């Protein structure tokens, strides 16, 4: 076996080990912040309302100076 074939085998083995490690290290919470999740939608809606109200309040205060 020549050097290039040995390197290819080593790279292949390292790649398989890496993919196995990544698969084993993932947790159930990796996909928790799904955009279709009801909790996330509610949280984003509340944050959006706070931002809009804050901008309106700021513009109102700025226009009364």
N, C-alpha and C. Protein backbone atom coordinates (compact mmCIF):
# COMPACT_ATOMS: atom_id res chain seq x y z
N UNK A 1 0.85 -1.18 0.00
CA UNK A 1 0.00 0.00 0.00
C UNK A 1 0.89 1.24 0.00
N UNK A 2 0.60 2.18 -0.89
CA UNK A 2 1.46 3.36 -0.94
C UNK A 2 0.95 4.43 0.02
N UNK A 3 1.71 5.51 0.11
CA UNK A 3 1.42 6.56 1.10
C UNK A 3 0.07 7.23 0.88
N UNK A 4 -0.28 7.48 -0.36
CA UNK A 4 -1.55 8.18 -0.62
C UNK A 4 -2.74 7.32 -0.22
N UNK A 5 -2.66 6.01 -0.42
CA UNK A 5 -3.75 5.14 0.00
C UNK A 5 -3.86 5.08 1.52
N UNK A 6 -2.70 5.08 2.19
CA UNK A 6 -2.71 5.09 3.65
C UNK A 6 -3.34 6.37 4.18
N UNK A 7 -2.99 7.51 3.54
CA UNK A 7 -3.57 8.79 3.96
C UNK A 7 -5.07 8.80 3.74
N UNK A 8 -5.51 8.24 2.61
CA UNK A 8 -6.95 8.19 2.34
C UNK A 8 -7.68 7.34 3.38
N UNK A 9 -7.10 6.23 3.75
CA UNK A 9 -7.71 5.38 4.78
C UNK A 9 -7.75 6.09 6.13
N UNK A 10 -6.66 6.76 6.47
CA UNK A 10 -6.61 7.50 7.74
C UNK A 10 -7.65 8.61 7.74
N UNK A 11 -7.75 9.35 6.63
CA UNK A 11 -8.74 10.43 6.53
C UNK A 11 -10.16 9.89 6.62
N UNK A 12 -10.39 8.76 5.97
CA UNK A 12 -11.72 8.16 6.02
C UNK A 12 -12.08 7.74 7.44
N UNK A 13 -11.13 7.11 8.13
CA UNK A 13 -11.36 6.68 9.50
C UNK A 13 -11.58 7.88 10.41
N UNK A 14 -10.77 8.93 10.25
CA UNK A 14 -10.93 10.15 11.06
C UNK A 14 -12.29 10.78 10.81
N UNK A 15 -12.72 10.82 9.57
CA UNK A 15 -14.02 11.40 9.23
C UNK A 15 -15.15 10.60 9.89
N UNK A 16 -15.07 9.28 9.83
CA UNK A 16 -16.09 8.44 10.45
C UNK A 16 -16.11 8.63 11.96
N UNK A 17 -14.92 8.71 12.56
CA UNK A 17 -14.85 8.95 14.01
C UNK A 17 -15.46 10.30 14.38
N UNK A 18 -15.18 11.31 13.56
CA UNK A 18 -15.71 12.65 13.82
C UNK A 18 -17.24 12.66 13.72
N UNK A 19 -17.77 12.04 12.67
CA UNK A 19 -19.23 12.00 12.51
C UNK A 19 -19.90 11.23 13.65
N UNK A 20 -19.25 10.16 14.09
CA UNK A 20 -19.78 9.38 15.21
C UNK A 20 -19.78 10.22 16.49
N UNK A 21 -18.70 10.94 16.72
CA UNK A 21 -18.60 11.80 17.90
C UNK A 21 -19.67 12.89 17.88
N UNK A 22 -19.88 13.52 16.73
CA UNK A 22 -20.89 14.57 16.63
C UNK A 22 -22.30 14.01 16.87
N UNK A 23 -22.54 12.83 16.35
CA UNK A 23 -23.86 12.22 16.54
C UNK A 23 -24.09 11.88 18.01
N UNK A 24 -23.07 11.37 18.68
CA UNK A 24 -23.20 11.00 20.09
C UNK A 24 -23.28 12.22 21.00
N UNK A 25 -22.67 13.32 20.60
CA UNK A 25 -22.63 14.49 21.48
C UNK A 25 -23.87 15.36 21.34
N UNK A 26 -24.70 15.12 20.35
CA UNK A 26 -25.91 15.93 20.23
C UNK A 26 -26.88 15.55 21.34
N UNK A 27 -27.69 16.53 21.75
CA UNK A 27 -28.65 16.28 22.83
C UNK A 27 -30.06 16.45 22.31
N UNK A 28 -31.02 16.13 23.14
CA UNK A 28 -32.42 16.28 22.77
C UNK A 28 -32.81 17.75 22.67
N UNK A 29 -32.05 18.63 23.30
CA UNK A 29 -32.40 20.05 23.30
C UNK A 29 -31.81 20.81 22.11
N UNK A 30 -31.04 20.15 21.26
CA UNK A 30 -30.44 20.83 20.12
C UNK A 30 -31.49 21.45 19.21
N UNK A 31 -32.61 20.80 19.03
CA UNK A 31 -33.65 21.33 18.16
C UNK A 31 -34.80 21.94 18.93
N UNK A 32 -34.56 22.39 20.17
CA UNK A 32 -35.66 22.85 21.03
C UNK A 32 -36.29 24.14 20.52
N UNK A 33 -35.50 25.07 20.02
CA UNK A 33 -36.03 26.37 19.62
C UNK A 33 -36.60 26.31 18.21
N UNK A 34 -37.58 25.44 18.04
CA UNK A 34 -38.25 25.28 16.76
C UNK A 34 -39.21 26.44 16.54
N UNK A 35 -39.20 27.01 15.34
CA UNK A 35 -40.05 28.18 15.09
C UNK A 35 -41.53 27.83 15.13
N UNK A 36 -41.88 26.57 15.04
CA UNK A 36 -43.28 26.17 15.10
C UNK A 36 -43.74 25.84 16.52
N UNK A 37 -42.83 25.93 17.47
CA UNK A 37 -43.15 25.65 18.86
C UNK A 37 -44.04 26.78 19.41
N UNK A 38 -45.11 26.44 20.10
CA UNK A 38 -46.05 27.42 20.64
C UNK A 38 -45.37 28.36 21.63
N UNK A 39 -44.52 27.83 22.48
CA UNK A 39 -43.81 28.65 23.46
C UNK A 39 -42.93 29.69 22.78
N UNK A 40 -42.23 29.28 21.75
CA UNK A 40 -41.34 30.20 21.03
C UNK A 40 -42.16 31.28 20.34
N UNK A 41 -43.26 30.90 19.72
CA UNK A 41 -44.12 31.89 19.06
C UNK A 41 -44.65 32.92 20.07
N UNK A 42 -45.08 32.44 21.23
CA UNK A 42 -45.60 33.33 22.26
C UNK A 42 -44.50 34.27 22.77
N UNK A 43 -43.32 33.72 23.02
CA UNK A 43 -42.19 34.53 23.48
C UNK A 43 -41.82 35.60 22.45
N UNK A 44 -41.76 35.23 21.18
CA UNK A 44 -41.43 36.20 20.13
C UNK A 44 -42.52 37.26 19.99
N UNK A 45 -43.78 36.86 20.15
CA UNK A 45 -44.87 37.82 20.07
C UNK A 45 -44.78 38.85 21.20
N UNK A 46 -44.52 38.38 22.41
CA UNK A 46 -44.38 39.28 23.56
C UNK A 46 -43.20 40.23 23.36
N UNK A 47 -42.06 39.70 22.91
CA UNK A 47 -40.90 40.56 22.65
C UNK A 47 -41.19 41.57 21.55
N UNK A 48 -41.90 41.14 20.53
CA UNK A 48 -42.26 42.05 19.44
C UNK A 48 -43.16 43.18 19.93
N UNK A 49 -44.14 42.85 20.77
CA UNK A 49 -45.03 43.87 21.32
C UNK A 49 -44.25 44.86 22.17
N UNK A 50 -43.34 44.36 23.00
CA UNK A 50 -42.53 45.24 23.84
C UNK A 50 -41.69 46.18 22.97
N UNK A 51 -41.11 45.65 21.91
CA UNK A 51 -40.28 46.49 21.02
C UNK A 51 -41.12 47.56 20.34
N UNK A 52 -42.28 47.17 19.81
CA UNK A 52 -43.14 48.14 19.12
C UNK A 52 -43.61 49.22 20.09
N UNK A 53 -44.06 48.83 21.28
CA UNK A 53 -44.51 49.81 22.28
C UNK A 53 -43.36 50.72 22.68
N UNK A 54 -42.17 50.17 22.83
CA UNK A 54 -41.00 50.98 23.18
C UNK A 54 -40.66 52.00 22.12
N UNK A 55 -40.72 51.58 20.86
CA UNK A 55 -40.43 52.51 19.76
C UNK A 55 -41.48 53.61 19.70
N UNK A 56 -42.74 53.24 19.86
CA UNK A 56 -43.81 54.26 19.84
C UNK A 56 -43.63 55.22 21.00
N UNK A 57 -43.32 54.72 22.18
CA UNK A 57 -43.11 55.57 23.34
C UNK A 57 -41.93 56.52 23.11
N UNK A 58 -40.83 55.99 22.57
CA UNK A 58 -39.65 56.81 22.29
C UNK A 58 -39.99 57.92 21.29
N UNK A 59 -40.69 57.57 20.22
CA UNK A 59 -41.06 58.58 19.22
C UNK A 59 -42.00 59.62 19.81
N UNK A 60 -42.91 59.19 20.66
CA UNK A 60 -43.83 60.12 21.31
C UNK A 60 -43.06 61.09 22.21
N UNK A 61 -42.14 60.57 23.00
CA UNK A 61 -41.33 61.43 23.88
C UNK A 61 -40.45 62.36 23.07
N UNK A 62 -39.88 61.89 22.00
CA UNK A 62 -38.99 62.69 21.16
C UNK A 62 -39.77 63.83 20.47
N UNK A 63 -41.00 63.53 20.05
CA UNK A 63 -41.79 64.54 19.33
C UNK A 63 -42.31 65.62 20.27
N UNK A 64 -42.34 65.39 21.57
CA UNK A 64 -42.84 66.39 22.53
C UNK A 64 -41.75 67.27 23.10
N UNK A 65 -40.53 67.10 22.64
CA UNK A 65 -39.43 67.93 23.19
C UNK A 65 -39.50 69.33 22.63
